[in-house]
C-alpha atoms as a PDB file:
ATOM      1  CA  ASP A   1     109.926  14.766-100.037  1.00  0.00           C
ATOM      2  CA  ASP A   2     109.026  13.329-103.440  1.00  0.00           C
ATOM      3  CA  TRP A   3     105.319  13.965-104.033  1.00  0.00           C
ATOM      4  CA  ASP A   4     104.188  13.157-107.599  1.00  0.00           C
ATOM      5  CA  ARG A   5     107.783  12.365-108.563  1.00  0.00           C
ATOM      6  CA  GLY A   6     108.189  11.341-112.209  1.00  0.00           C
ATOM      7  CA  THR A   7     104.780  12.592-113.336  1.00  0.00           C
ATOM      8  CA  ARG A   8     104.042  15.456-115.664  1.00  0.00           C
ATOM      9  CA  GLY A   9     101.704  17.899-114.014  1.00  0.00           C
ATOM     10  CA  PRO A  10      99.902  21.040-115.217  1.00  0.00           C
ATOM     11  CA  PHE A  11     102.888  23.447-115.041  1.00  0.00           C
ATOM     12  CA  PHE A  12     103.835  25.796-117.880  1.00  0.00           C
ATOM     13  CA  LEU A  13     106.535  28.418-118.389  1.00  0.00           C
ATOM     14  CA  ALA A  14     105.263  31.940-118.904  1.00  0.00           C
ATOM     15  CA  ALA A  15     105.967  33.149-122.458  1.00  0.00           C
ATOM     16  CA  LYS A  16     104.892  35.890-124.826  1.00  0.00           C
ATOM     17  CA  ASP A  17     102.180  33.845-126.560  1.00  0.00           C
ATOM     18  CA  ILE A  18     100.220  30.629-126.027  1.00  0.00           C
ATOM     19  CA  ILE A  19     102.066  28.698-128.764  1.00  0.00           C
ATOM     20  CA  GLU A  20     105.317  28.943-126.837  1.00  0.00           C
ATOM     21  CA  MET A  21     103.548  27.625-123.714  1.00  0.00           C
ATOM     22  CA  LYS A  22     102.213  24.442-125.330  1.00  0.00           C
ATOM     23  CA  ASP A  23     104.611  22.032-123.579  1.00  0.00           C
ATOM     24  CA  ARG A  24     103.833  20.838-120.072  1.00  0.00           C
ATOM     25  CA  CYS A  25     106.744  21.222-117.685  1.00  0.00           C
ATOM     26  CA  GLY A  26     106.199  18.218-115.475  1.00  0.00           C
ATOM     27  CA  SER A  27     106.278  17.995-111.729  1.00  0.00           C
ATOM     28  CA  ARG A  28     107.529  20.562-109.251  1.00  0.00           C
ATOM     29  CA  PHE A  29     109.725  17.834-107.777  1.00  0.00           C
ATOM     30  CA  ALA A  30     111.566  16.483-110.856  1.00  0.00           C
ATOM     31  CA  HIS A  31     114.141  18.210-113.109  1.00  0.00           C
ATOM     32  CA  ASP A  32     113.049  18.884-116.661  1.00  0.00           C
ATOM     33  CA  ASP A  33     115.694  20.451-118.898  1.00  0.00           C
ATOM     34  CA  THR A  34     113.186  21.361-121.608  1.00  0.00           C
ATOM     35  CA  CYS A  35     111.400  23.710-119.226  1.00  0.00           C
ATOM     36  CA  SER A  36     114.394  25.634-117.885  1.00  0.00           C
ATOM     37  CA  ARG A  37     115.025  29.328-118.329  1.00  0.00           C
ATOM     38  CA  VAL A  38     118.278  31.302-118.562  1.00  0.00           C
ATOM     39  CA  VAL A  39     118.627  34.174-116.114  1.00  0.00           C
ATOM     40  CA  GLY A  40     121.532  36.586-116.365  1.00  0.00           C
ATOM     41  CA  SER A  41     124.307  35.445-118.703  1.00  0.00           C
ATOM     42  CA  SER A  42     124.267  31.682-118.187  1.00  0.00           C
ATOM     43  CA  GLY A  43     122.248  30.934-115.055  1.00  0.00           C
ATOM     44  CA  GLN A  44     119.769  28.129-115.687  1.00  0.00           C
ATOM     45  CA  ILE A  45     116.713  27.903-113.410  1.00  0.00           C
ATOM     46  CA  TYR A  46     113.516  25.880-113.328  1.00  0.00           C
ATOM     47  CA  PRO A  47     110.524  28.138-112.531  1.00  0.00           C
ATOM     48  CA  GLU A  48     108.228  25.274-111.586  1.00  0.00           C
ATOM     49  CA  TYR A  49     110.404  24.409-108.560  1.00  0.00           C
ATOM     50  CA  PHE A  50     109.850  25.888-105.103  1.00  0.00           C
ATOM     51  CA  GLY A  51     112.834  26.259-102.798  1.00  0.00           C
ATOM     52  CA  LEU A  52     116.515  25.983-103.592  1.00  0.00           C
ATOM     53  CA  VAL A  53     117.082  22.291-102.893  1.00  0.00           C
ATOM     54  CA  GLY A  54     115.364  19.249-104.336  1.00  0.00           C
ATOM     55  CA  ALA A  55     115.047  16.231-102.025  1.00  0.00           C
ATOM     56  CA  SER A  56     114.205  12.632-102.884  1.00  0.00           C
ATOM     57  CA  SER A  57     114.323   9.150-101.343  1.00  0.00           C
ATOM     58  CA  GLN A  58     116.069   6.200-102.981  1.00  0.00           C
ATOM     59  CA  LEU A  59     115.915   2.890-101.143  1.00  0.00           C
ATOM     60  CA  MET A  60     117.764   3.502 -97.842  1.00  0.00           C
ATOM     61  CA  GLN A  61     119.280   6.789 -99.027  1.00  0.00           C
ATOM     62  CA  HIS A  62     118.172  10.394 -98.706  1.00  0.00           C
ATOM     63  CA  CYS A  63     119.362  12.572-101.607  1.00  0.00           C
ATOM     64  CA  VAL A  64     119.508  16.327-102.230  1.00  0.00           C
ATOM     65  CA  ILE A  65     120.437  18.365-105.301  1.00  0.00           C
ATOM     66  CA  PRO A  66     120.391  22.145-105.952  1.00  0.00           C
ATOM     67  CA  ARG A  67     117.508  23.435-108.004  1.00  0.00           C
ATOM     68  CA  PHE A  68     119.855  25.720-109.989  1.00  0.00           C
ATOM     69  CA  GLY A  69     122.478  24.242-112.290  1.00  0.00           C
ATOM     70  CA  TYR A  70     124.756  27.326-112.342  1.00  0.00           C
ATOM     71  CA  ILE A  71     125.593  30.414-110.318  1.00  0.00           C
ATOM     72  CA  LEU A  72     123.393  33.243-111.536  1.00  0.00           C
ATOM     73  CA  PHE A  73     124.130  36.661-112.991  1.00  0.00           C
ATOM     74  CA  GLY A  74     127.255  36.058-115.081  1.00  0.00           C
ATOM     75  CA  ARG A  75     129.653  34.391-112.663  1.00  0.00           C
ATOM     76  CA  GLY A  76     131.509  31.216-113.469  1.00  0.00           C
ATOM     77  CA  GLY A  77     129.561  28.014-113.704  1.00  0.00           C
ATOM     78  CA  VAL A  78     129.939  25.278-111.157  1.00  0.00           C
ATOM     79  CA  VAL A  79     129.315  21.590-111.594  1.00  0.00           C
ATOM     80  CA  VAL A  80     126.713  20.273-109.184  1.00  0.00           C
ATOM     81  CA  SER A  81     125.861  16.679-108.434  1.00  0.00           C
ATOM     82  CA  LYS A  82     123.371  14.825-106.349  1.00  0.00           C
ATOM     83  CA  LYS A  83     124.488  14.056-102.812  1.00  0.00           C
ATOM     84  CA  CYS A  84     123.068  10.965-101.097  1.00  0.00           C
ATOM     85  CA  ALA A  85     123.525   9.580 -97.589  1.00  0.00           C
ATOM     86  CA  TYR A  86     122.358   6.363 -95.998  1.00  0.00           C
ATOM     87  CA  LEU A  87     119.772   6.705 -93.238  1.00  0.00           C
ATOM     88  CA  THR A  88     121.170   5.166 -90.066  1.00  0.00           C
ATOM     89  CA  PRO A  89     118.928   4.748 -87.029  1.00  0.00           C
ATOM     90  CA  SER A  90     119.917   5.915 -83.581  1.00  0.00           C
ATOM     91  CA  LEU A  91     121.992   3.308 -81.749  1.00  0.00           C
ATOM     92  CA  ALA A  92     119.981   3.751 -78.551  1.00  0.00           C
ATOM     93  CA  TRP A  93     116.651   3.125 -80.305  1.00  0.00           C
ATOM     94  CA  LEU A  94     118.130   0.186 -82.197  1.00  0.00           C
ATOM     95  CA  LEU A  95     119.275  -1.457 -78.951  1.00  0.00           C
ATOM     96  CA  ALA A  96     115.888  -0.770 -77.341  1.00  0.00           C
ATOM     97  CA  ALA A  97     114.038  -2.435 -80.216  1.00  0.00           C
ATOM     98  CA  LEU A  98     116.335  -5.464 -80.165  1.00  0.00           C
ATOM     99  CA  SER A  99     115.960  -5.862 -76.399  1.00  0.00           C
ATOM    100  CA  MET A 100     112.157  -5.792 -76.698  1.00  0.00           C
ATOM    101  CA  LEU A 101     112.295  -8.496 -79.368  1.00  0.00           C
ATOM    102  CA  VAL A 102     114.480 -10.633 -77.115  1.00  0.00           C
ATOM    103  CA  VAL A 103     112.134 -10.187 -74.139  1.00  0.00           C
ATOM    104  CA  VAL A 104     109.076 -11.144 -76.215  1.00  0.00           C
ATOM    105  CA  ALA A 105     110.853 -14.202 -77.617  1.00  0.00           C
ATOM    106  CA  VAL A 106     111.874 -15.372 -74.113  1.00  0.00           C
ATOM    107  CA  LEU A 107     108.336 -14.934 -72.805  1.00  0.00           C
ATOM    108  CA  GLN A 108     106.853 -16.894 -75.702  1.00  0.00           C
ATOM    109  CA  VAL A 109     109.322 -19.754 -75.277  1.00  0.00           C
ATOM    110  CA  THR A 110     108.661 -19.848 -71.513  1.00  0.00           C
ATOM    111  CA  ARG A 111     104.907 -19.924 -72.128  1.00  0.00           C
ATOM    112  CA  LEU A 112     105.234 -22.869 -74.516  1.00  0.00           C
ATOM    113  CA  LEU A 113     107.468 -24.804 -72.097  1.00  0.00           C
ATOM    114  CA  VAL A 114     105.027 -24.279 -69.215  1.00  0.00           C
ATOM    115  CA  LYS A 115     102.131 -25.343 -71.398  1.00  0.00           C
ATOM    116  CA  TRP A 116     103.900 -28.539 -72.481  1.00  0.00           C
ATOM    117  CA  CYS A 117     105.046 -29.430 -68.946  1.00  0.00           C
ATOM    118  CA  CYS A 118     101.585 -28.950 -67.446  1.00  0.00           C
ATOM    119  CA  LYS A 119      99.714 -30.722 -70.220  1.00  0.00           C
ATOM    120  CA  ASP A 120      99.726 -34.082 -68.465  1.00  0.00           C
ATOM    121  CA  LYS A 121      98.658 -32.567 -65.145  1.00  0.00           C
ATOM    122  CA  ARG A 122      95.713 -30.768 -66.749  1.00  0.00           C
ATOM    123  CA  ALA A 123      94.635 -33.970 -68.491  1.00  0.00           C
ATOM    124  CA  LYS A 124      94.121 -35.617 -65.064  1.00  0.00           C
ATOM    125  CA  PRO A 125      92.361 -33.061 -62.865  1.00  0.00           C
ATOM    126  CA  ASP A 126      91.685 -33.690 -59.225  1.00  0.00           C
ATOM    127  CA  ARG A 127      88.451 -35.594 -58.518  1.00  0.00           C
ATOM    128  CA  ALA A 128      87.530 -33.405 -55.618  1.00  0.00           C
ATOM    129  CA  LYS A 129      87.834 -30.352 -57.831  1.00  0.00           C
ATOM    130  CA  ASP A 130      85.561 -32.050 -60.374  1.00  0.00           C
ATOM    131  CA  ARG A 131      82.940 -32.692 -57.719  1.00  0.00           C
ATOM    132  CA  SER A 132      83.066 -29.117 -56.456  1.00  0.00           C
ATOM    133  CA  SER A 133      82.822 -27.696 -59.986  1.00  0.00           C
ATOM    134  CA  ALA A 134      79.924 -30.028 -60.777  1.00  0.00           C
ATOM    135  CA  SER A 135      78.088 -28.981 -57.632  1.00  0.00           C
ATOM    136  CA  SER A 136      78.683 -25.290 -58.367  1.00  0.00           C
ATOM    137  CA  SER A 137      77.443 -25.689 -61.944  1.00  0.00           C
ATOM    138  CA  ALA A 138      74.373 -27.509 -60.665  1.00  0.00           C
ATOM    139  CA  GLY A 139      73.770 -24.668 -58.248  1.00  0.00           C
ATOM    140  CA  GLN A 140      73.976 -22.198 -61.090  1.00  0.00           C
ATOM    141  CA  GLU A 141      71.501 -24.221 -63.126  1.00  0.00           C
ATOM    142  CA  GLN A 142      69.047 -24.258 -60.230  1.00  0.00           C
ATOM    143  CA  LYS A 143      69.479 -20.561 -59.495  1.00  0.00           C
ATOM    144  CA  THR A 144      66.099 -18.864 -59.128  1.00  0.00           C
ATOM    145  CA  PRO A 145      65.523 -16.036 -61.622  1.00  0.00           C
ATOM    146  CA  GLN A 146      64.913 -12.611 -60.111  1.00  0.00           C
ATOM    147  CA  LEU A 147      62.041 -10.470 -61.359  1.00  0.00           C
ATOM    148  CA  GLY A 148      61.517  -6.724 -61.504  1.00  0.00           C
ATOM    149  CA  TYR A 149      58.713  -4.771 -63.126  1.00  0.00           C
ATOM    150  CA  ILE A 150      57.662  -1.222 -64.008  1.00  0.00           C
ATOM    151  CA  LYS A 151      54.365   0.295 -65.057  1.00  0.00           C
ATOM    152  CA  VAL A 152      54.488   2.191 -68.334  1.00  0.00           C
ATOM    153  CA  ILE A 153      53.296   5.736 -67.649  1.00  0.00           C
ATOM    154  CA  PRO A 154      54.080   8.196 -70.471  1.00  0.00           C
ATOM    155  CA  ALA A 155      53.482  11.915 -69.966  1.00  0.00           C
ATOM    156  CA  THR A 156      50.721  11.896 -72.624  1.00  0.00           C
ATOM    157  CA  LYS A 157      47.535  10.615 -71.003  1.00  0.00           C
ATOM    158  CA  ALA A 158      46.223   9.014 -74.195  1.00  0.00           C
ATOM    159  CA  LEU A 159      49.288   6.732 -74.257  1.00  0.00           C
ATOM    160  CA  GLN A 160      48.715   5.393 -70.737  1.00  0.00           C
ATOM    161  CA  GLY A 161      47.008   2.005 -70.664  1.00  0.00           C
ATOM    162  CA  ASP A 162      47.948   0.207 -67.408  1.00  0.00           C
ATOM    163  CA  HIS A 163      50.566  -1.859 -69.218  1.00  0.00           C
ATOM    164  CA  THR A 164      53.596  -3.267 -67.379  1.00  0.00           C
ATOM    165  CA  VAL A 165      57.024  -4.495 -68.455  1.00  0.00           C
ATOM    166  CA  GLU A 166      58.938  -7.132 -66.470  1.00  0.00           C
ATOM    167  CA  LEU A 167      62.646  -8.005 -66.500  1.00  0.00           C
ATOM    168  CA  GLN A 168      63.689 -11.538 -65.583  1.00  0.00           C
ATOM    169  CA  SER A 169      67.324 -12.485 -64.889  1.00  0.00           C
ATOM    170  CA  THR A 170      69.432 -15.001 -63.005  1.00  0.00           C
ATOM    171  CA  ALA A 171      72.539 -12.822 -63.255  1.00  0.00           C
ATOM    172  CA  LEU A 172      71.146 -10.063 -61.024  1.00  0.00           C
ATOM    173  CA  LYS A 173      71.097 -10.572 -57.260  1.00  0.00           C
ATOM    174  CA  SER A 174      67.574  -9.460 -56.353  1.00  0.00           C
ATOM    175  CA  GLY A 175      64.253  -8.298 -57.683  1.00  0.00           C
ATOM    176  CA  ILE A 176      65.088  -4.769 -56.522  1.00  0.00           C
ATOM    177  CA  GLU A 177      68.189  -4.782 -58.726  1.00  0.00           C
ATOM    178  CA  CYS A 178      66.142  -6.093 -61.656  1.00  0.00           C
ATOM    179  CA  GLY A 179      63.604  -3.350 -61.104  1.00  0.00           C
ATOM    180  CA  TRP A 180      66.334  -0.696 -60.920  1.00  0.00           C
ATOM    181  CA  TRP A 181      67.903  -1.849 -64.193  1.00  0.00           C
ATOM    182  CA  LEU A 182      64.512  -1.996 -65.881  1.00  0.00           C
ATOM    183  CA  CYS A 183      63.521   1.434 -64.565  1.00  0.00           C
ATOM    184  CA  GLN A 184      66.675   3.101 -65.914  1.00  0.00           C
ATOM    185  CA  HIS A 185      66.270   1.632 -69.381  1.00  0.00           C
ATOM    186  CA  THR A 186      62.496   1.970 -69.628  1.00  0.00           C
ATOM    187  CA  THR A 187      62.169   5.586 -68.473  1.00  0.00           C
ATOM    188  CA  THR A 188      64.781   6.662 -71.005  1.00  0.00           C
ATOM    189  CA  GLN A 189      63.114   4.793 -73.851  1.00  0.00           C
ATOM    190  CA  VAL A 190      59.641   6.079 -72.873  1.00  0.00           C
ATOM    191  CA  ALA A 191      60.876   9.685 -73.037  1.00  0.00           C
ATOM    192  CA  THR A 192      62.613   9.093 -76.383  1.00  0.00           C
ATOM    193  CA  LEU A 193      59.645   7.333 -77.959  1.00  0.00           C
ATOM    194  CA  GLU A 194      57.230   9.988 -76.730  1.00  0.00           C
ATOM    195  CA  LYS A 195      59.393  12.736 -78.258  1.00  0.00           C
ATOM    196  CA  GLN A 196      59.255  10.941 -81.593  1.00  0.00           C
ATOM    197  CA  VAL A 197      55.462  10.745 -81.376  1.00  0.00           C
ATOM    198  CA  ASN A 198      55.256  14.478 -80.613  1.00  0.00           C
ATOM    199  CA  MET A 199      57.519  15.282 -83.572  1.00  0.00           C
ATOM    200  CA  GLU A 200      55.307  13.155 -85.824  1.00  0.00           C
ATOM    201  CA  ILE A 201      52.245  15.092 -84.568  1.00  0.00           C
ATOM    202  CA  ALA A 202      54.000  18.351 -85.464  1.00  0.00           C
ATOM    203  CA  ALA A 203      54.750  16.976 -88.949  1.00  0.00           C
ATOM    204  CA  ILE A 204      51.083  16.004 -89.438  1.00  0.00           C
ATOM    205  CA  LYS A 205      50.000  19.519 -88.424  1.00  0.00           C
ATOM    206  CA  ALA A 206      52.518  21.057 -90.840  1.00  0.00           C
ATOM    207  CA  LEU A 207      51.209  18.892 -93.705  1.00  0.00           C
ATOM    208  CA  ARG A 208      47.634  19.925 -92.911  1.00  0.00           C
ATOM    209  CA  SER A 209      48.663  23.588 -92.868  1.00  0.00           C
ATOM    210  CA  ARG A 210      50.411  23.209 -96.222  1.00  0.00           C
ATOM    211  CA  ARG A 211      47.354  21.545 -97.781  1.00  0.00           C
ATOM    212  CA  ARG A 212      45.146  24.349 -96.486  1.00  0.00           C
ATOM    213  CA  HIS A 213      47.499  26.965 -97.877  1.00  0.00           C
ATOM    214  CA  SER A 214      47.668  25.194-101.268  1.00  0.00           C
ATOM    215  CA  ALA A 215      43.880  25.120-101.406  1.00  0.00           C
ATOM    216  CA  GLY A 216      43.763  28.906-100.981  1.00  0.00           C
ATOM    217  CA  GLY A 217      42.872  29.003 -97.299  1.00  0.00           C
ATOM    218  CA  GLN A 218      44.485  31.030 -94.555  1.00  0.00           C
ATOM    219  CA  ASP A 219      47.951  30.015 -93.474  1.00  0.00           C
ATOM    220  CA  GLY A 220      48.976  29.742 -89.836  1.00  0.00           C
ATOM    221  CA  GLU A 221      48.094  27.834 -86.707  1.00  0.00           C
ATOM    222  CA  ASP A 222      44.897  25.798 -86.300  1.00  0.00           C
ATOM    223  CA  SER A 223      41.999  27.476 -84.536  1.00  0.00           C
ATOM    224  CA  ASP A 224      40.879  26.327 -81.091  1.00  0.00           C
ATOM    225  CA  SER A 225      37.972  24.323 -82.498  1.00  0.00           C
ATOM    226  CA  GLU A 226      40.187  22.681 -85.108  1.00  0.00           C
ATOM    227  CA  SER A 227      42.880  21.909 -82.512  1.00  0.00           C
ATOM    228  CA  SER A 228      40.447  20.163 -80.190  1.00  0.00           C
ATOM    229  CA  SER A 229      38.873  18.130 -82.969  1.00  0.00           C
ATOM    230  CA  CYS A 230      42.182  17.132 -84.589  1.00  0.00           C
ATOM    231  CA  ALA A 231      44.226  16.444 -81.438  1.00  0.00           C
ATOM    232  CA  ASP A 232      42.977  12.878 -80.961  1.00  0.00           C
ATOM    233  CA  SER A 233      43.169  11.969 -84.637  1.00  0.00           C
ATOM    234  CA  ASP A 234      46.669  13.466 -84.931  1.00  0.00           C
ATOM    235  CA  LEU A 235      47.878  11.450 -81.946  1.00  0.00           C
ATOM    236  CA  LYS A 236      46.412   8.208 -83.312  1.00  0.00           C
ATOM    237  CA  GLU A 237      47.889   8.759 -86.772  1.00  0.00           C
ATOM    238  CA  ALA A 238      51.289   9.701 -85.359  1.00  0.00           C
ATOM    239  CA  MET A 239      51.364   6.654 -83.081  1.00  0.00           C
ATOM    240  CA  GLN A 240      50.448   4.388 -85.981  1.00  0.00           C
ATOM    241  CA  VAL A 241      53.344   5.769 -88.048  1.00  0.00           C
ATOM    242  CA  ILE A 242      55.874   5.442 -85.203  1.00  0.00           C
ATOM    243  CA  HIS A 243      54.620   1.923 -84.409  1.00  0.00           C
ATOM    244  CA  ARG A 244      55.078   0.714 -88.001  1.00  0.00           C
ATOM    245  CA  ARG A 245      58.432   2.453 -88.295  1.00  0.00           C
ATOM    246  CA  THR A 246      59.761   0.944 -85.051  1.00  0.00           C
ATOM    247  CA  LEU A 247      58.637  -2.604 -85.852  1.00  0.00           C
ATOM    248  CA  GLU A 248      59.397  -2.654 -89.594  1.00  0.00           C
ATOM    249  CA  GLY A 249      62.435  -4.896 -89.007  1.00  0.00           C
ATOM    250  CA  PHE A 250      60.303  -7.307 -86.984  1.00  0.00           C
ATOM    251  CA  VAL A 251      57.689  -7.374 -89.761  1.00  0.00           C
ATOM    252  CA  THR A 252      60.383  -8.121 -92.348  1.00  0.00           C
ATOM    253  CA  TRP A 253      61.626 -11.031 -90.234  1.00  0.00           C
ATOM    254  CA  CYS A 254      58.079 -12.397 -89.778  1.00  0.00           C
ATOM    255  CA  ASN A 255      57.389 -12.273 -93.516  1.00  0.00           C
ATOM    256  CA  TYR A 256      60.724 -13.897 -94.366  1.00  0.00           C
ATOM    257  CA  VAL A 257      60.358 -16.780 -91.897  1.00  0.00           C
ATOM    258  CA  SER A 258      56.709 -17.431 -92.695  1.00  0.00           C
ATOM    259  CA  SER A 259      57.495 -17.633 -96.432  1.00  0.00           C
ATOM    260  CA  ALA A 260      60.515 -19.944 -96.007  1.00  0.00           C
ATOM    261  CA  THR A 261      60.426 -23.514 -97.252  1.00  0.00           C
ATOM    262  CA  LEU A 262      59.352 -26.352 -94.977  1.00  0.00           C
ATOM    263  CA  GLY A 263      62.898 -27.679 -94.617  1.00  0.00           C
ATOM    264  CA  SER A 264      64.348 -24.310 -93.579  1.00  0.00           C
ATOM    265  CA  LEU A 265      65.968 -24.181 -90.138  1.00  0.00           C
ATOM    266  CA  CYS A 266      64.564 -20.727 -89.398  1.00  0.00           C
ATOM    267  CA  ARG A 267      61.012 -22.189 -89.215  1.00  0.00           C
ATOM    268  CA  LYS A 268      61.902 -24.646 -86.446  1.00  0.00           C
ATOM    269  CA  GLY A 269      59.603 -24.306 -83.422  1.00  0.00           C
ATOM    270  CA  LEU A 270      57.706 -21.285 -84.769  1.00  0.00           C
ATOM    271  CA  ASP A 271      53.999 -20.871 -85.462  1.00  0.00           C
ATOM    272  CA  MET A 272      53.672 -19.688 -89.071  1.00  0.00           C
ATOM    273  CA  ALA A 273      50.096 -18.498 -88.568  1.00  0.00           C
ATOM    274  CA  ALA A 274      51.127 -16.410 -85.553  1.00  0.00           C
ATOM    275  CA  LEU A 275      53.996 -14.884 -87.548  1.00  0.00           C
ATOM    276  CA  ARG A 276      51.698 -13.831 -90.382  1.00  0.00           C
ATOM    277  CA  ASP A 277      49.120 -12.515 -87.916  1.00  0.00           C
ATOM    278  CA  MET A 278      51.668 -10.377 -86.044  1.00  0.00           C
ATOM    279  CA  SER A 279      52.940  -8.945 -89.325  1.00  0.00           C
ATOM    280  CA  ALA A 280      49.389  -8.008 -90.301  1.00  0.00           C
ATOM    281  CA  GLN A 281      48.686  -6.492 -86.867  1.00  0.00           C
ATOM    282  CA  VAL A 282      51.680  -4.156 -87.274  1.00  0.00           C
ATOM    283  CA  MET A 283      50.987  -3.134 -90.858  1.00  0.00           C
ATOM    284  CA  GLU A 284      47.220  -2.700 -90.340  1.00  0.00           C
ATOM    285  CA  ASN A 285      47.216  -0.977 -86.942  1.00  0.00           C
ATOM    286  CA  SER A 286      44.635   1.757 -87.572  1.00  0.00           C
ATOM    287  CA  THR A 287      41.929   0.048 -85.475  1.00  0.00           C
ATOM    288  CA  ARG A 288      44.117  -0.520 -82.402  1.00  0.00           C
ATOM    289  CA  PRO A 289      44.356   1.947 -79.487  1.00  0.00           C
ATOM    290  CA  PRO A 290      47.447   4.202 -79.338  1.00  0.00           C
ATOM    291  CA  ASP A 291      48.409   3.092 -75.797  1.00  0.00           C
ATOM    292  CA  ARG A 292      48.740  -0.503 -77.015  1.00  0.00           C
ATOM    293  CA  LEU A 293      50.818   0.558 -80.015  1.00  0.00           C
ATOM    294  CA  PHE A 294      53.049   2.623 -77.729  1.00  0.00           C
ATOM    295  CA  VAL A 295      53.850  -0.233 -75.340  1.00  0.00           C
ATOM    296  CA  GLU A 296      54.491  -2.691 -78.196  1.00  0.00           C
ATOM    297  CA  ALA A 297      57.061  -0.335 -79.717  1.00  0.00           C
ATOM    298  CA  LEU A 298      58.475   0.358 -76.257  1.00  0.00           C
ATOM    299  CA  VAL A 299      59.100  -3.350 -75.556  1.00  0.00           C
ATOM    300  CA  LEU A 300      61.390  -3.581 -78.589  1.00  0.00           C
ATOM    301  CA  ARG A 301      63.245  -0.396 -77.591  1.00  0.00           C
ATOM    302  CA  VAL A 302      63.791  -1.711 -74.051  1.00  0.00           C
ATOM    303  CA  MET A 303      65.020  -5.070 -75.362  1.00  0.00           C
ATOM    304  CA  GLU A 304      67.481  -3.246 -77.625  1.00  0.00           C
ATOM    305  CA  SER A 305      68.664  -1.106 -74.718  1.00  0.00           C
ATOM    306  CA  VAL A 306      69.036  -4.001 -72.251  1.00  0.00           C
ATOM    307  CA  GLY A 307      70.485  -6.395 -74.845  1.00  0.00           C
ATOM    308  CA  GLU A 308      73.219  -3.966 -75.989  1.00  0.00           C
ATOM    309  CA  GLN A 309      75.357  -6.158 -78.290  1.00  0.00           C
ATOM    310  CA  MET A 310      72.216  -8.039 -79.366  1.00  0.00           C
ATOM    311  CA  LEU A 311      71.582  -5.047 -81.655  1.00  0.00           C
ATOM    312  CA  GLN A 312      74.224  -6.533 -83.943  1.00  0.00           C
ATOM    313  CA  CYS A 313      71.946  -9.554 -84.550  1.00  0.00           C
ATOM    314  CA  PRO A 314      68.471  -8.232 -85.491  1.00  0.00           C
ATOM    315  CA  GLU A 315      67.224 -11.709 -86.463  1.00  0.00           C
ATOM    316  CA  ARG A 316      67.867 -13.030 -82.940  1.00  0.00           C
ATOM    317  CA  LEU A 317      66.250  -9.923 -81.476  1.00  0.00           C
ATOM    318  CA  SER A 318      63.134 -10.389 -83.611  1.00  0.00           C
ATOM    319  CA  TYR A 319      62.995 -14.054 -82.599  1.00  0.00           C
ATOM    320  CA  LEU A 320      63.012 -13.126 -78.894  1.00  0.00           C
ATOM    321  CA  LEU A 321      60.497 -10.318 -79.474  1.00  0.00           C
ATOM    322  CA  PHE A 322      58.132 -12.772 -81.165  1.00  0.00           C
ATOM    323  CA  HIS A 323      58.190 -15.057 -78.106  1.00  0.00           C
ATOM    324  CA  THR A 324      57.749 -12.057 -75.778  1.00  0.00           C
ATOM    325  CA  TYR A 325      54.627 -11.006 -77.695  1.00  0.00           C
ATOM    326  CA  GLN A 326      53.344 -14.584 -77.742  1.00  0.00           C
ATOM    327  CA  GLU A 327      53.743 -15.001 -73.979  1.00  0.00           C
ATOM    328  CA  ALA A 328      51.821 -11.727 -73.516  1.00  0.00           C
ATOM    329  CA  GLY A 329      48.861 -13.058 -75.527  1.00  0.00           C
ATOM    330  CA  GLY A 330      49.867 -11.860 -78.989  1.00  0.00           C
ATOM    331  CA  LEU A 331      49.173  -8.489 -80.599  1.00  0.00           C
ATOM    332  CA  TRP A 332      45.397  -8.886 -80.806  1.00  0.00           C
ATOM    333  CA  ASP A 333      44.739  -8.432 -77.063  1.00  0.00           C
ATOM    334  CA  LEU A 334      43.733  -4.773 -76.502  1.00  0.00           C
ATOM    335  CA  GLY A 335      43.474  -4.741 -72.697  1.00  0.00           C
ATOM    336  CA  PRO A 336      46.165  -4.087 -70.049  1.00  0.00           C
ATOM    337  CA  THR A 337      49.074  -6.398 -70.823  1.00  0.00           C
ATOM    338  CA  ASN A 338      52.205  -7.584 -69.060  1.00  0.00           C
ATOM    339  CA  PHE A 339      55.340  -8.095 -71.221  1.00  0.00           C
ATOM    340  CA  THR A 340      58.216 -10.155 -69.754  1.00  0.00           C
ATOM    341  CA  ILE A 341      61.776  -9.664 -71.050  1.00  0.00           C
ATOM    342  CA  ASP A 342      64.254 -12.467 -70.346  1.00  0.00           C
ATOM    343  CA  MET A 343      67.647 -10.835 -69.799  1.00  0.00           C
ATOM    344  CA  ASP A 344      69.456 -14.199 -69.838  1.00  0.00           C
ATOM    345  CA  LYS A 345      68.237 -14.941 -73.359  1.00  0.00           C
ATOM    346  CA  LEU A 346      69.165 -11.437 -74.496  1.00  0.00           C
ATOM    347  CA  HIS A 347      72.721 -11.970 -73.249  1.00  0.00           C
ATOM    348  CA  ASP A 348      72.947 -15.613 -74.274  1.00  0.00           C
ATOM    349  CA  GLY A 349      74.979 -14.831 -77.385  1.00  0.00           C
ATOM    350  CA  LEU A 350      77.671 -13.076 -75.313  1.00  0.00           C
ATOM    351  CA  VAL A 351      78.313 -16.238 -73.287  1.00  0.00           C
ATOM    352  CA  GLN A 352      78.486 -18.415 -76.397  1.00  0.00           C
END
């Protein structure tokens, strides 16, 4: 009702020349006697207003006033004044709101009384219940972890290297269930990662075509001989780029922890030499086979997918990834490798 009330906006009265239009006429929603115009014999109007009635809010009142101070076209003038009325809510809604407040207050008081009355009983639990809970907790601690695995087989033959990924969990009921969970996550991440590699290959080809065109050569697709000779090198270069891009957060964590002071808590239980070596293996990956780079990037993607909320804590994720790589022999082993992902550790933060 009262947008930009009390401000002077960019409104002017039309006049014969610019000098007469020098004064701003204020807001469309506030009366301004200096910007009025006489129409007829004594009718006074305000051209910057839209509509016939001005409305405004004042505390608990809603007020209206005519836009025109007098009847137009020569008739007798009338005195107009602002009319205001208090806003009163509907009685039905008022009673409904009050009843809800009463219900909530009664429930809260009842909850407090029950809590106070049962405080002594909860302080002295039954011994038999303690023994049963202790035995059940011991059974949970001794629960055997289930294991499922999947062989990483991308569609691109050059990215296949007889690598496997395992999922270990005590929360799942069987190894078949572990394998099913791992299969769903891994196949999706393999397809996504492979698409990114293919897009990087297309970008490398486009850059080569642009360089050839800039050098004055023919533009267009590579010839058959060029395609066969560049296919392997394009795949290796693309996989190196995707590998570094996927693990750049892990490299940042390795460099930060390895450069921390001796008294820092983040260094506790970690091998500084192994951290620096893994960082170097990611940044200088040109001598490593593309299938190995693919599975290393895939392990992180699968951990992110299985861990879900663990994505909100990249430092914890990098810490677990470091131990996963270490248990697999580090990043310097180039043969077929088995990577084990501990689902309990990934979800440990949710329990805490």
